[in-house]
Amino acid sequence: MENIRKVSLFLALFVFLALRAGPSTVYGNDKTPKFTLTPPPFSEGIFPCSDCHADMEVNQNRRKLTEEHTEISESFNHASDQQWCLNCHNPGDRDKLRLASGRLISFAESEVLCGQCHGTIYRDWKVGVHGKRTGEWNGKKLYRLCVNCHNPHTPRFKKITPLPPPIQPGEIQYRRLTKEQIPRNPIGDLK
């Protein structure tokens, strides 16, 4: 009888403390965790766009760019039959992006723009299934924007040659590998 009383007291104390702790994650209005975003990776000397575009007349005709941004124009491969620059970049204020609704957003909110067409991936990104994030389990989190991993003008990753399978522990038990023998990350250093 004494053991049952001790177990009951222990369980009651456990349940009390568990309920007292409360939620460990702070959620926003749409039930997604609050987080911090990395800044967009601008090419050096290219932002703010208004430095060059402020006094230019806007030509909204779809065309191949031949004077500036030619490297983007030549490599553009993002639904290129349906899209072009001014579907995303706002013609009236080049320092803003434009949603399909006409609402203007900053480049720091570019994930919302991507989410218009890539809704299932955006949903997965918001809940942590897609994309890279760092931080604490129950604390501050840092999410990477779509453009931190994908080039917005050519979003598919370039094909890479797969690495050979890992060396089995038995094969390396008594030997030292040279720097050349140690496999490197084929996509470079992720920051």
Protein backbone atom coordinates (compact mmCIF):
# COMPACT_ATOMS: atom_id res chain seq x y z
CA MET A 1 0.00 0.00 0.00
CA GLU A 2 2.87 2.34 0.82
CA ASN A 3 4.42 1.72 -2.64
CA ILE A 4 1.14 2.56 -4.41
CA ARG A 5 0.92 5.81 -2.44
CA LYS A 6 4.52 6.75 -3.39
CA VAL A 7 3.93 5.95 -7.07
CA SER A 8 0.67 7.94 -7.06
CA LEU A 9 2.38 10.91 -5.38
CA PHE A 10 5.25 10.73 -7.89
CA LEU A 11 2.86 10.62 -10.88
CA ALA A 12 0.79 13.50 -9.50
CA LEU A 13 3.96 15.59 -9.02
CA PHE A 14 5.16 14.71 -12.55
CA VAL A 15 1.82 15.69 -14.15
CA PHE A 16 1.70 18.93 -12.12
CA LEU A 17 5.20 19.96 -13.20
CA ALA A 18 4.58 18.99 -16.84
CA LEU A 19 1.39 21.07 -17.01
CA ARG A 20 2.98 23.96 -15.15
CA ALA A 21 5.81 24.26 -17.72
CA GLY A 22 3.41 25.46 -20.44
CA PRO A 23 4.18 25.64 -24.16
CA SER A 24 7.84 25.72 -25.11
CA THR A 25 7.40 27.41 -28.51
CA VAL A 26 5.94 30.82 -29.23
CA TYR A 27 3.61 30.75 -32.23
CA GLY A 28 2.45 33.46 -34.58
CA ASN A 29 -1.13 34.10 -35.63
CA ASP A 30 -1.10 31.30 -38.22
CA LYS A 31 0.28 28.69 -35.77
CA THR A 32 3.79 28.71 -37.22
CA PRO A 33 6.82 29.27 -34.98
CA LYS A 34 8.27 32.75 -34.85
CA PHE A 35 11.74 32.95 -36.32
CA THR A 36 14.42 35.22 -37.71
CA LEU A 37 15.23 35.28 -41.41
CA THR A 38 18.64 35.69 -43.00
CA PRO A 39 19.04 38.72 -45.23
CA PRO A 40 18.78 38.09 -48.98
CA PRO A 41 22.14 37.49 -50.71
CA PHE A 42 22.44 40.52 -53.00
CA SER A 43 25.13 40.61 -55.64
CA GLU A 44 27.72 43.20 -54.71
CA GLY A 45 26.98 46.70 -56.05
CA ILE A 46 23.52 45.80 -57.37
CA PHE A 47 21.20 46.87 -54.54
CA PRO A 48 19.42 49.19 -54.08
CA CYS A 49 18.13 48.80 -57.62
CA SER A 50 16.88 52.40 -57.60
CA ASP A 51 20.49 53.61 -57.77
CA CYS A 52 20.39 52.81 -61.49
CA HIS A 53 16.66 52.50 -62.23
CA ALA A 54 15.46 55.72 -60.55
CA ASP A 55 15.68 57.88 -63.67
CA MET A 56 15.05 55.16 -66.27
CA GLU A 57 11.87 54.96 -68.25
CA VAL A 58 10.17 51.63 -67.58
CA ASN A 59 9.85 49.37 -70.60
CA GLN A 60 7.29 46.71 -69.64
CA ASN A 61 7.58 44.79 -72.90
CA ARG A 62 8.90 41.28 -72.49
CA ARG A 63 12.28 41.09 -74.19
CA LYS A 64 15.79 39.73 -73.89
CA LEU A 65 17.99 42.11 -71.92
CA THR A 66 21.00 43.24 -73.97
CA GLU A 67 22.57 46.09 -72.01
CA GLU A 68 22.42 45.29 -68.28
CA HIS A 69 21.67 42.08 -66.37
CA THR A 70 22.61 40.11 -69.48
CA GLU A 71 24.00 37.19 -67.45
CA ILE A 72 20.59 36.84 -65.76
CA SER A 73 18.75 37.14 -69.06
CA GLU A 74 20.95 34.50 -70.73
CA SER A 75 20.66 31.97 -67.90
CA PHE A 76 17.02 32.67 -66.95
CA ASN A 77 15.23 29.33 -66.53
CA HIS A 78 12.29 29.78 -64.18
CA ALA A 79 9.06 29.05 -66.06
CA SER A 80 10.64 31.16 -68.79
CA ASP A 81 7.73 30.61 -71.19
CA GLN A 82 5.35 32.30 -68.72
CA GLN A 83 7.57 34.56 -66.58
CA TRP A 84 9.96 37.41 -67.00
CA CYS A 85 11.52 40.15 -64.86
CA LEU A 86 8.49 42.33 -64.14
CA ASN A 87 6.34 39.42 -62.97
CA CYS A 88 8.29 39.60 -59.71
CA HIS A 89 10.24 42.88 -59.78
CA ASN A 90 8.06 45.95 -59.33
CA PRO A 91 8.38 48.33 -62.31
CA GLY A 92 7.45 51.43 -60.28
CA ASP A 93 9.79 50.84 -57.32
CA ARG A 94 12.67 48.54 -58.22
CA ASP A 95 13.65 48.19 -54.54
CA LYS A 96 10.46 46.16 -53.99
CA LEU A 97 9.07 42.88 -55.25
CA ARG A 98 5.47 42.65 -56.42
CA LEU A 99 3.04 39.87 -55.55
CA ALA A 100 0.39 38.71 -58.03
CA SER A 101 -2.15 40.70 -55.99
CA GLY A 102 -0.16 43.89 -56.63
CA ARG A 103 1.01 44.18 -53.01
CA LEU A 104 4.62 45.30 -52.70
CA ILE A 105 7.05 43.47 -50.42
CA SER A 106 10.71 43.91 -49.56
CA PHE A 107 13.40 41.56 -50.80
CA ALA A 108 13.69 40.34 -47.19
CA GLU A 109 10.16 38.87 -47.57
CA SER A 110 10.91 37.09 -50.84
CA GLU A 111 9.72 33.74 -49.45
CA VAL A 112 6.14 35.07 -49.74
CA LEU A 113 6.69 35.77 -53.44
CA CYS A 114 8.10 32.28 -54.03
CA GLY A 115 5.19 30.80 -52.09
CA GLN A 116 2.66 32.17 -54.58
CA CYS A 117 3.63 29.54 -57.15
CA HIS A 118 5.39 27.03 -54.92
CA GLY A 119 2.68 26.75 -52.25
CA THR A 120 3.37 23.22 -51.03
CA ILE A 121 7.09 23.92 -50.73
CA TYR A 122 6.35 27.21 -48.93
CA ARG A 123 4.08 25.33 -46.50
CA ASP A 124 6.84 22.78 -45.89
CA TRP A 125 9.42 25.57 -45.44
CA LYS A 126 7.29 27.33 -42.81
CA VAL A 127 7.02 24.18 -40.70
CA GLY A 128 10.65 23.13 -41.14
CA VAL A 129 10.42 20.26 -43.62
CA HIS A 130 12.09 22.15 -46.51
CA GLY A 131 15.09 24.47 -46.29
CA LYS A 132 17.94 25.06 -43.91
CA ARG A 133 17.56 26.48 -40.44
CA THR A 134 19.77 26.74 -37.42
CA GLY A 135 19.14 27.63 -33.82
CA GLU A 136 17.88 26.22 -30.58
CA TRP A 137 15.22 23.54 -30.28
CA ASN A 138 13.07 25.64 -27.96
CA GLY A 139 14.65 29.03 -28.57
CA LYS A 140 15.80 31.39 -31.27
CA LYS A 141 15.73 30.02 -34.81
CA LEU A 142 17.31 31.33 -37.99
CA TYR A 143 15.59 30.35 -41.25
CA ARG A 144 17.26 30.69 -44.63
CA LEU A 145 15.26 32.40 -47.38
CA CYS A 146 14.56 30.49 -50.61
CA VAL A 147 17.16 32.69 -52.35
CA ASN A 148 19.86 31.68 -49.84
CA CYS A 149 19.89 28.23 -51.49
CA HIS A 150 18.16 28.71 -54.87
CA ASN A 151 19.04 31.26 -57.53
CA PRO A 152 15.65 32.93 -58.11
CA HIS A 153 16.32 33.23 -61.85
CA THR A 154 17.53 29.62 -62.25
CA PRO A 155 16.27 27.81 -59.13
CA ARG A 156 17.10 24.18 -59.95
CA PHE A 157 20.33 22.99 -58.42
CA LYS A 158 23.09 22.20 -60.86
CA LYS A 159 23.69 18.49 -61.33
CA ILE A 160 26.58 17.12 -59.33
CA THR A 161 28.46 13.86 -59.63
CA PRO A 162 27.64 11.62 -56.68
CA LEU A 163 30.45 10.82 -54.31
CA PRO A 164 31.54 7.25 -53.72
CA PRO A 165 29.98 5.51 -50.71
CA PRO A 166 31.57 6.18 -47.32
CA ILE A 167 34.57 4.14 -46.30
CA GLN A 168 33.58 1.36 -43.92
CA PRO A 169 35.00 1.69 -40.39
CA GLY A 170 36.83 -1.63 -40.75
CA GLU A 171 38.71 -0.26 -43.75
CA ILE A 172 40.09 2.77 -41.89
CA GLN A 173 40.64 1.32 -38.44
CA TYR A 174 44.45 1.40 -38.61
CA ARG A 175 45.22 3.86 -41.36
CA ARG A 176 45.41 7.62 -41.72
CA LEU A 177 43.71 9.31 -44.67
CA THR A 178 45.46 12.05 -46.62
CA LYS A 179 43.62 15.29 -47.33
CA GLU A 180 43.02 14.11 -50.90
CA GLN A 181 41.35 10.90 -49.66
CA ILE A 182 38.89 12.70 -47.37
CA PRO A 183 35.63 13.36 -49.34
CA ARG A 184 34.70 17.04 -49.52
CA ASN A 185 31.24 18.60 -49.59
CA PRO A 186 30.49 18.85 -53.33
CA ILE A 187 28.34 21.98 -53.00
CA GLY A 188 30.82 23.98 -50.99
CA ASP A 189 30.67 25.56 -47.57
CA LEU A 190 27.11 26.18 -46.30
CA LYS A 191 26.92 29.27 -44.14
